[in-house]
């Protein structure tokens, strides 16, 4: 699923999480962040929600074009080992 927002913040995170969960349930567990330019901690929560949905659907979550903000937040919260496992490509 291509995320259709230039930012993931507390203002739009619930909508983005719902869209991602629906995509995962429909068989698309690849989240494309190429349009996302900035994010807050809501993006980390979104990834964790998608991870739970993917696990429940017996799918493998993969994140593409992950913004540096998300990588930094995952490290800050000590979740880089968890969240980082879903990142595709270098980082």
PDB file of N, CA and C in Angstrom:
ATOM      1  N   UNK A   1       0.843  -1.163   0.000  1.00  0.00           N
ATOM      2  CA  UNK A   1       0.000   0.000   0.000  1.00  0.00           C
ATOM      3  C   UNK A   1       0.893   1.233   0.000  1.00  0.00           C
ATOM      4  N   UNK A   2       0.626   2.125  -0.901  1.00  0.00           N
ATOM      5  CA  UNK A   2       1.346   3.396  -0.906  1.00  0.00           C
ATOM      6  C   UNK A   2       0.624   4.345   0.043  1.00  0.00           C
ATOM      7  N   UNK A   3       1.348   4.862   1.004  1.00  0.00           N
ATOM      8  CA  UNK A   3       0.767   5.797   1.962  1.00  0.00           C
ATOM      9  C   UNK A   3       0.558   7.118   1.240  1.00  0.00           C
ATOM     10  N   UNK A   4      -0.658   7.606   1.252  1.00  0.00           N
ATOM     11  CA  UNK A   4      -1.047   8.769   0.451  1.00  0.00           C
ATOM     12  C   UNK A   4      -0.988  10.075   1.228  1.00  0.00           C
ATOM     13  N   UNK A   5       0.040  10.250   2.036  1.00  0.00           N
ATOM     14  CA  UNK A   5       0.192  11.463   2.836  1.00  0.00           C
ATOM     15  C   UNK A   5       1.655  11.872   2.844  1.00  0.00           C
ATOM     16  N   UNK A   6       1.902  13.170   2.948  1.00  0.00           N
ATOM     17  CA  UNK A   6       3.290  13.619   3.019  1.00  0.00           C
ATOM     18  C   UNK A   6       3.816  13.604   4.452  1.00  0.00           C
ATOM     19  N   UNK A   7       2.906  13.374   5.410  1.00  0.00           N
ATOM     20  CA  UNK A   7       3.299  13.296   6.813  1.00  0.00           C
ATOM     21  C   UNK A   7       2.402  12.298   7.529  1.00  0.00           C
ATOM     22  N   UNK A   8       2.966  11.669   8.555  1.00  0.00           N
ATOM     23  CA  UNK A   8       2.168  10.831   9.452  1.00  0.00           C
ATOM     24  C   UNK A   8       2.314  11.457  10.830  1.00  0.00           C
ATOM     25  N   UNK A   9       1.209  11.998  11.316  1.00  0.00           N
ATOM     26  CA  UNK A   9       1.182  12.660  12.617  1.00  0.00           C
ATOM     27  C   UNK A   9      -0.072  12.214  13.359  1.00  0.00           C
ATOM     28  N   UNK A  10      -0.231  12.725  14.565  1.00  0.00           N
ATOM     29  CA  UNK A  10      -1.419  12.348  15.337  1.00  0.00           C
ATOM     30  C   UNK A  10      -2.705  12.814  14.662  1.00  0.00           C
ATOM     31  N   UNK A  11      -2.615  13.739  13.718  1.00  0.00           N
ATOM     32  CA  UNK A  11      -3.816  14.225  13.026  1.00  0.00           C
ATOM     33  C   UNK A  11      -4.370  13.219  12.016  1.00  0.00           C
ATOM     34  N   UNK A  12      -3.498  12.417  11.414  1.00  0.00           N
ATOM     35  CA  UNK A  12      -3.971  11.510  10.365  1.00  0.00           C
ATOM     36  C   UNK A  12      -3.610  10.046  10.607  1.00  0.00           C
ATOM     37  N   UNK A  13      -2.951   9.756  11.705  1.00  0.00           N
ATOM     38  CA  UNK A  13      -2.454   8.401  11.944  1.00  0.00           C
ATOM     39  C   UNK A  13      -3.560   7.356  11.997  1.00  0.00           C
ATOM     40  N   UNK A  14      -4.670   7.664  12.622  1.00  0.00           N
ATOM     41  CA  UNK A  14      -5.746   6.667  12.735  1.00  0.00           C
ATOM     42  C   UNK A  14      -6.240   6.248  11.351  1.00  0.00           C
ATOM     43  N   UNK A  15      -6.411   7.208  10.473  1.00  0.00           N
ATOM     44  CA  UNK A  15      -6.858   6.901   9.101  1.00  0.00           C
ATOM     45  C   UNK A  15      -5.812   6.048   8.372  1.00  0.00           C
ATOM     46  N   UNK A  16      -4.547   6.396   8.546  1.00  0.00           N
ATOM     47  CA  UNK A  16      -3.477   5.657   7.870  1.00  0.00           C
ATOM     48  C   UNK A  16      -3.354   4.249   8.429  1.00  0.00           C
ATOM     49  N   UNK A  17      -3.486   4.107   9.733  1.00  0.00           N
ATOM     50  CA  UNK A  17      -3.452   2.772  10.345  1.00  0.00           C
ATOM     51  C   UNK A  17      -4.590   1.921   9.801  1.00  0.00           C
ATOM     52  N   UNK A  18      -5.797   2.466   9.775  1.00  0.00           N
ATOM     53  CA  UNK A  18      -6.957   1.713   9.277  1.00  0.00           C
ATOM     54  C   UNK A  18      -6.750   1.276   7.828  1.00  0.00           C
ATOM     55  N   UNK A  19      -6.247   2.176   7.001  1.00  0.00           N
ATOM     56  CA  UNK A  19      -6.005   1.830   5.595  1.00  0.00           C
ATOM     57  C   UNK A  19      -4.955   0.735   5.486  1.00  0.00           C
ATOM     58  N   UNK A  20      -3.914   0.816   6.297  1.00  0.00           N
ATOM     59  CA  UNK A  20      -2.874  -0.206   6.281  1.00  0.00           C
ATOM     60  C   UNK A  20      -3.373  -1.562   6.735  1.00  0.00           C
ATOM     61  N   UNK A  21      -4.157  -1.580   7.796  1.00  0.00           N
ATOM     62  CA  UNK A  21      -4.724  -2.843   8.288  1.00  0.00           C
ATOM     63  C   UNK A  21      -5.636  -3.457   7.228  1.00  0.00           C
ATOM     64  N   UNK A  22      -6.441  -2.631   6.573  1.00  0.00           N
ATOM     65  CA  UNK A  22      -7.319  -3.139   5.510  1.00  0.00           C
ATOM     66  C   UNK A  22      -6.493  -3.706   4.359  1.00  0.00           C
ATOM     67  N   UNK A  23      -5.400  -3.028   4.011  1.00  0.00           N
ATOM     68  CA  UNK A  23      -4.533  -3.516   2.931  1.00  0.00           C
ATOM     69  C   UNK A  23      -3.915  -4.862   3.309  1.00  0.00           C
ATOM     70  N   UNK A  24      -3.454  -4.971   4.547  1.00  0.00           N
ATOM     71  CA  UNK A  24      -2.851  -6.224   5.006  1.00  0.00           C
ATOM     72  C   UNK A  24      -3.873  -7.350   4.948  1.00  0.00           C
ATOM     73  N   UNK A  25      -5.070  -7.089   5.423  1.00  0.00           N
ATOM     74  CA  UNK A  25      -6.123  -8.118   5.392  1.00  0.00           C
ATOM     75  C   UNK A  25      -6.467  -8.532   3.961  1.00  0.00           C
ATOM     76  N   UNK A  26      -6.291  -7.590   3.015  1.00  0.00           N
ATOM     77  CA  UNK A  26      -6.571  -7.879   1.605  1.00  0.00           C
ATOM     78  C   UNK A  26      -5.371  -8.524   0.900  1.00  0.00           C
ATOM     79  N   UNK A  27      -4.256  -8.675   1.630  1.00  0.00           N
ATOM     80  CA  UNK A  27      -3.108  -9.365   1.063  1.00  0.00           C
ATOM     81  C   UNK A  27      -1.901  -8.501   0.745  1.00  0.00           C
ATOM     82  N   UNK A  28      -1.988  -7.187   0.948  1.00  0.00           N
ATOM     83  CA  UNK A  28      -0.872  -6.286   0.647  1.00  0.00           C
ATOM     84  C   UNK A  28      -0.212  -5.856   1.950  1.00  0.00           C
ATOM     85  N   UNK A  29       0.913  -6.480   2.288  1.00  0.00           N
ATOM     86  CA  UNK A  29       1.618  -6.174   3.530  1.00  0.00           C
ATOM     87  C   UNK A  29       2.900  -5.390   3.283  1.00  0.00           C
ATOM     88  N   UNK A  30       2.983  -4.714   2.144  1.00  0.00           N
ATOM     89  CA  UNK A  30       4.126  -3.856   1.826  1.00  0.00           C
ATOM     90  C   UNK A  30       3.659  -2.412   1.942  1.00  0.00           C
ATOM     91  N   UNK A  31       4.241  -1.673   2.880  1.00  0.00           N
ATOM     92  CA  UNK A  31       3.876  -0.279   3.089  1.00  0.00           C
ATOM     93  C   UNK A  31       4.932   0.606   2.435  1.00  0.00           C
ATOM     94  N   UNK A  32       4.508   1.397   1.474  1.00  0.00           N
ATOM     95  CA  UNK A  32       5.395   2.273   0.705  1.00  0.00           C
ATOM     96  C   UNK A  32       5.309   3.686   1.264  1.00  0.00           C
ATOM     97  N   UNK A  33       6.389   4.139   1.864  1.00  0.00           N
ATOM     98  CA  UNK A  33       6.457   5.459   2.479  1.00  0.00           C
ATOM     99  C   UNK A  33       7.032   6.522   1.536  1.00  0.00           C
ATOM    100  N   UNK A  34       7.133   6.266   0.247  1.00  0.00           N
ATOM    101  CA  UNK A  34       7.827   7.181  -0.652  1.00  0.00           C
ATOM    102  C   UNK A  34       7.234   8.584  -0.694  1.00  0.00           C
ATOM    103  N   UNK A  35       5.968   8.756  -0.383  1.00  0.00           N
ATOM    104  CA  UNK A  35       5.358  10.098  -0.368  1.00  0.00           C
ATOM    105  C   UNK A  35       5.522  10.788   0.983  1.00  0.00           C
ATOM    106  N   UNK A  36       5.913  10.047   2.011  1.00  0.00           N
ATOM    107  CA  UNK A  36       5.993  10.582   3.370  1.00  0.00           C
ATOM    108  C   UNK A  36       7.314  11.321   3.557  1.00  0.00           C
ATOM    109  N   UNK A  37       7.219  12.570   3.970  1.00  0.00           N
ATOM    110  CA  UNK A  37       8.407  13.402   4.173  1.00  0.00           C
ATOM    111  C   UNK A  37       8.738  13.613   5.645  1.00  0.00           C
ATOM    112  N   UNK A  38       7.728  13.501   6.518  1.00  0.00           N
ATOM    113  CA  UNK A  38       7.983  13.666   7.953  1.00  0.00           C
ATOM    114  C   UNK A  38       6.963  12.859   8.737  1.00  0.00           C
ATOM    115  N   UNK A  39       7.362  12.527   9.956  1.00  0.00           N
ATOM    116  CA  UNK A  39       6.442  11.793  10.812  1.00  0.00           C
ATOM    117  C   UNK A  39       6.795  12.033  12.267  1.00  0.00           C
ATOM    118  N   UNK A  40       5.802  11.780  13.111  1.00  0.00           N
ATOM    119  CA  UNK A  40       6.030  11.855  14.549  1.00  0.00           C
ATOM    120  C   UNK A  40       5.871  10.441  15.119  1.00  0.00           C
ATOM    121  N   UNK A  41       5.788  10.351  16.428  1.00  0.00           N
ATOM    122  CA  UNK A  41       5.726   9.029  17.062  1.00  0.00           C
ATOM    123  C   UNK A  41       4.493   8.234  16.643  1.00  0.00           C
ATOM    124  N   UNK A  42       3.508   8.895  16.072  1.00  0.00           N
ATOM    125  CA  UNK A  42       2.333   8.182  15.563  1.00  0.00           C
ATOM    126  C   UNK A  42       2.711   7.184  14.483  1.00  0.00           C
ATOM    127  N   UNK A  43       3.754   7.485  13.735  1.00  0.00           N
ATOM    128  CA  UNK A  43       4.196   6.571  12.679  1.00  0.00           C
ATOM    129  C   UNK A  43       4.749   5.277  13.273  1.00  0.00           C
ATOM    130  N   UNK A  44       5.448   5.381  14.394  1.00  0.00           N
ATOM    131  CA  UNK A  44       5.944   4.178  15.071  1.00  0.00           C
ATOM    132  C   UNK A  44       4.759   3.332  15.538  1.00  0.00           C
ATOM    133  N   UNK A  45       3.764   3.983  16.110  1.00  0.00           N
ATOM    134  CA  UNK A  45       2.563   3.264  16.551  1.00  0.00           C
ATOM    135  C   UNK A  45       1.863   2.608  15.365  1.00  0.00           C
ATOM    136  N   UNK A  46       1.847   3.284  14.225  1.00  0.00           N
ATOM    137  CA  UNK A  46       1.227   2.714  13.023  1.00  0.00           C
ATOM    138  C   UNK A  46       1.949   1.435  12.607  1.00  0.00           C
ATOM    139  N   UNK A  47       3.266   1.484  12.590  1.00  0.00           N
ATOM    140  CA  UNK A  47       4.035   0.296  12.196  1.00  0.00           C
ATOM    141  C   UNK A  47       3.764  -0.856  13.153  1.00  0.00           C
ATOM    142  N   UNK A  48       3.694  -0.568  14.433  1.00  0.00           N
ATOM    143  CA  UNK A  48       3.410  -1.635  15.402  1.00  0.00           C
ATOM    144  C   UNK A  48       2.013  -2.208  15.197  1.00  0.00           C
ATOM    145  N   UNK A  49       1.040  -1.361  14.886  1.00  0.00           N
ATOM    146  CA  UNK A  49      -0.318  -1.844  14.604  1.00  0.00           C
ATOM    147  C   UNK A  49      -0.321  -2.718  13.354  1.00  0.00           C
ATOM    148  N   UNK A  50       0.407  -2.287  12.333  1.00  0.00           N
ATOM    149  CA  UNK A  50       0.489  -3.092  11.105  1.00  0.00           C
ATOM    150  C   UNK A  50       1.189  -4.412  11.359  1.00  0.00           C
ATOM    151  N   UNK A  51       2.198  -4.401  12.209  1.00  0.00           N
ATOM    152  CA  UNK A  51       2.899  -5.647  12.537  1.00  0.00           C
ATOM    153  C   UNK A  51       1.950  -6.638  13.199  1.00  0.00           C
ATOM    154  N   UNK A  52       1.127  -6.145  14.111  1.00  0.00           N
ATOM    155  CA  UNK A  52       0.133  -7.027  14.761  1.00  0.00           C
ATOM    156  C   UNK A  52      -0.864  -7.564  13.738  1.00  0.00           C
ATOM    157  N   UNK A  53      -1.327  -6.678  12.845  1.00  0.00           N
ATOM    158  CA  UNK A  53      -2.293  -7.113  11.825  1.00  0.00           C
ATOM    159  C   UNK A  53      -1.664  -8.129  10.877  1.00  0.00           C
ATOM    160  N   UNK A  54      -0.418  -7.906  10.505  1.00  0.00           N
ATOM    161  CA  UNK A  54       0.272  -8.834   9.601  1.00  0.00           C
ATOM    162  C   UNK A  54       0.458 -10.193  10.271  1.00  0.00           C
ATOM    163  N   UNK A  55       0.855 -10.164  11.527  1.00  0.00           N
ATOM    164  CA  UNK A  55       1.037 -11.426  12.261  1.00  0.00           C
ATOM    165  C   UNK A  55      -0.289 -12.173  12.347  1.00  0.00           C
ATOM    166  N   UNK A  56      -1.377 -11.457  12.629  1.00  0.00           N
ATOM    167  CA  UNK A  56      -2.699 -12.085  12.734  1.00  0.00           C
ATOM    168  C   UNK A  56      -3.160 -12.662  11.399  1.00  0.00           C
ATOM    169  N   UNK A  57      -2.718 -12.031  10.299  1.00  0.00           N
ATOM    170  CA  UNK A  57      -3.103 -12.501   8.964  1.00  0.00           C
ATOM    171  C   UNK A  57      -2.072 -13.474   8.383  1.00  0.00           C
ATOM    172  N   UNK A  58      -1.074 -13.828   9.184  1.00  0.00           N
ATOM    173  CA  UNK A  58       0.001 -14.724   8.757  1.00  0.00           C
ATOM    174  C   UNK A  58       0.712 -14.184   7.505  1.00  0.00           C
ATOM    175  N   UNK A  59       1.028 -12.901   7.545  1.00  0.00           N
ATOM    176  CA  UNK A  59       1.747 -12.239   6.451  1.00  0.00           C
ATOM    177  C   UNK A  59       3.028 -11.625   7.005  1.00  0.00           C
ATOM    178  N   UNK A  60       3.947 -11.315   6.112  1.00  0.00           N
ATOM    179  CA  UNK A  60       5.189 -10.650   6.489  1.00  0.00           C
ATOM    180  C   UNK A  60       5.097  -9.174   6.120  1.00  0.00           C
ATOM    181  N   UNK A  61       5.189  -8.314   7.114  1.00  0.00           N
ATOM    182  CA  UNK A  61       5.157  -6.878   6.886  1.00  0.00           C
ATOM    183  C   UNK A  61       6.489  -6.411   6.338  1.00  0.00           C
ATOM    184  N   UNK A  62       6.437  -5.534   5.341  1.00  0.00           N
ATOM    185  CA  UNK A  62       7.656  -4.931   4.800  1.00  0.00           C
ATOM    186  C   UNK A  62       7.410  -3.443   4.595  1.00  0.00           C
ATOM    187  N   UNK A  63       8.384  -2.624   4.989  1.00  0.00           N
ATOM    188  CA  UNK A  63       8.294  -1.176   4.840  1.00  0.00           C
ATOM    189  C   UNK A  63       9.310  -0.725   3.798  1.00  0.00           C
ATOM    190  N   UNK A  64       8.857   0.069   2.834  1.00  0.00           N
ATOM    191  CA  UNK A  64       9.738   0.565   1.783  1.00  0.00           C
ATOM    192  C   UNK A  64       9.823   2.082   1.837  1.00  0.00           C
ATOM    193  N   UNK A  65      10.982   2.614   1.442  1.00  0.00           N
ATOM    194  CA  UNK A  65      11.230   4.060   1.384  1.00  0.00           C
ATOM    195  C   UNK A  65      10.934   4.720   2.727  1.00  0.00           C
ATOM    196  N   UNK A  66      11.428   4.119   3.779  1.00  0.00           N
ATOM    197  CA  UNK A  66      11.160   4.590   5.132  1.00  0.00           C
ATOM    198  C   UNK A  66      11.885   5.915   5.378  1.00  0.00           C
ATOM    199  N   UNK A  67      11.161   6.941   5.829  1.00  0.00           N
ATOM    200  CA  UNK A  67      11.798   8.230   6.084  1.00  0.00           C
ATOM    201  C   UNK A  67      12.754   8.168   7.279  1.00  0.00           C
ATOM    202  N   UNK A  68      13.761   9.021   7.235  1.00  0.00           N
ATOM    203  CA  UNK A  68      14.730   9.071   8.330  1.00  0.00           C
ATOM    204  C   UNK A  68      14.067   9.367   9.670  1.00  0.00           C
ATOM    205  N   UNK A  69      13.005  10.189   9.659  1.00  0.00           N
ATOM    206  CA  UNK A  69      12.280  10.491  10.907  1.00  0.00           C
ATOM    207  C   UNK A  69      11.808   9.217  11.595  1.00  0.00           C
ATOM    208  N   UNK A  70      11.254   8.300  10.827  1.00  0.00           N
ATOM    209  CA  UNK A  70      10.732   7.067  11.405  1.00  0.00           C
ATOM    210  C   UNK A  70      11.864   6.202  11.940  1.00  0.00           C
ATOM    211  N   UNK A  71      12.943   6.113  11.189  1.00  0.00           N
ATOM    212  CA  UNK A  71      14.098   5.331  11.660  1.00  0.00           C
ATOM    213  C   UNK A  71      14.627   5.912  12.974  1.00  0.00           C
ATOM    214  N   UNK A  72      14.742   7.240  13.039  1.00  0.00           N
ATOM    215  CA  UNK A  72      15.250   7.905  14.244  1.00  0.00           C
ATOM    216  C   UNK A  72      14.326   7.691  15.435  1.00  0.00           C
ATOM    217  N   UNK A  73      13.026   7.807  15.214  1.00  0.00           N
ATOM    218  CA  UNK A  73      12.070   7.600  16.302  1.00  0.00           C
ATOM    219  C   UNK A  73      12.109   6.167  16.812  1.00  0.00           C
ATOM    220  N   UNK A  74      12.232   5.220  15.905  1.00  0.00           N
ATOM    221  CA  UNK A  74      12.320   3.818  16.325  1.00  0.00           C
ATOM    222  C   UNK A  74      13.550   3.608  17.215  1.00  0.00           C
ATOM    223  N   UNK A  75      14.677   4.223  16.833  1.00  0.00           N
ATOM    224  CA  UNK A  75      15.890   4.132  17.667  1.00  0.00           C
ATOM    225  C   UNK A  75      15.666   4.814  19.021  1.00  0.00           C
ATOM    226  N   UNK A  76      15.068   6.007  18.997  1.00  0.00           N
ATOM    227  CA  UNK A  76      14.835   6.772  20.220  1.00  0.00           C
ATOM    228  C   UNK A  76      14.014   5.981  21.233  1.00  0.00           C
ATOM    229  N   UNK A  77      12.986   5.292  20.752  1.00  0.00           N
ATOM    230  CA  UNK A  77      12.105   4.531  21.637  1.00  0.00           C
ATOM    231  C   UNK A  77      12.606   3.117  21.913  1.00  0.00           C
ATOM    232  N   UNK A  78      13.792   2.789  21.419  1.00  0.00           N
ATOM    233  CA  UNK A  78      14.350   1.466  21.662  1.00  0.00           C
ATOM    234  C   UNK A  78      13.656   0.372  20.887  1.00  0.00           C
ATOM    235  N   UNK A  79      12.995   0.754  19.796  1.00  0.00           N
ATOM    236  CA  UNK A  79      12.249  -0.210  18.987  1.00  0.00           C
ATOM    237  C   UNK A  79      12.908  -0.488  17.652  1.00  0.00           C
ATOM    238  N   UNK A  80      14.131  -0.003  17.463  1.00  0.00           N
ATOM    239  CA  UNK A  80      14.761  -0.199  16.159  1.00  0.00           C
ATOM    240  C   UNK A  80      14.955  -1.668  15.840  1.00  0.00           C
ATOM    241  N   UNK A  81      15.210  -2.499  16.832  1.00  0.00           N
ATOM    242  CA  UNK A  81      15.367  -3.928  16.578  1.00  0.00           C
ATOM    243  C   UNK A  81      14.044  -4.554  16.154  1.00  0.00           C
ATOM    244  N   UNK A  82      12.943  -4.042  16.686  1.00  0.00           N
ATOM    245  CA  UNK A  82      11.618  -4.565  16.345  1.00  0.00           C
ATOM    246  C   UNK A  82      11.156  -3.987  15.010  1.00  0.00           C
ATOM    247  N   UNK A  83      11.070  -2.671  14.943  1.00  0.00           N
ATOM    248  CA  UNK A  83      10.573  -1.983  13.755  1.00  0.00           C
ATOM    249  C   UNK A  83      11.544  -2.124  12.596  1.00  0.00           C
ATOM    250  N   UNK A  84      12.839  -2.047  12.886  1.00  0.00           N
ATOM    251  CA  UNK A  84      13.848  -2.122  11.844  1.00  0.00           C
ATOM    252  C   UNK A  84      13.821  -3.422  11.057  1.00  0.00           C
ATOM    253  N   UNK A  85      13.304  -4.468  11.644  1.00  0.00           N
ATOM    254  CA  UNK A  85      13.200  -5.744  10.940  1.00  0.00           C
ATOM    255  C   UNK A  85      12.256  -5.712   9.760  1.00  0.00           C
ATOM    256  N   UNK A  86      11.403  -4.699   9.692  1.00  0.00           N
ATOM    257  CA  UNK A  86      10.443  -4.584   8.599  1.00  0.00           C
ATOM    258  C   UNK A  86      10.945  -3.695   7.469  1.00  0.00           C
ATOM    259  N   UNK A  87      12.048  -2.951   7.729  1.00  0.00           N
ATOM    260  CA  UNK A  87      12.561  -2.016   6.741  1.00  0.00           C
ATOM    261  C   UNK A  87      13.162  -2.773   5.555  1.00  0.00           C
ATOM    262  N   UNK A  88      12.801  -2.369   4.354  1.00  0.00           N
ATOM    263  CA  UNK A  88      13.402  -2.935   3.147  1.00  0.00           C
ATOM    264  C   UNK A  88      14.536  -2.029   2.717  1.00  0.00           C
ATOM    265  N   UNK A  89      15.633  -2.601   2.322  1.00  0.00           N
ATOM    266  CA  UNK A  89      16.742  -1.813   1.806  1.00  0.00           C
ATOM    267  C   UNK A  89      17.634  -1.270   2.896  1.00  0.00           C
ATOM    268  N   UNK A  90      18.626  -0.441   2.497  1.00  0.00           N
ATOM    269  CA  UNK A  90      19.613   0.070   3.440  1.00  0.00           C
ATOM    270  C   UNK A  90      19.009   1.048   4.436  1.00  0.00           C
ATOM    271  N   UNK A  91      19.654   1.186   5.548  1.00  0.00           N
ATOM    272  CA  UNK A  91      19.161   2.125   6.537  1.00  0.00           C
ATOM    273  C   UNK A  91      20.076   2.208   7.660  1.00  0.00           C
TER     274      UNK A  91
END
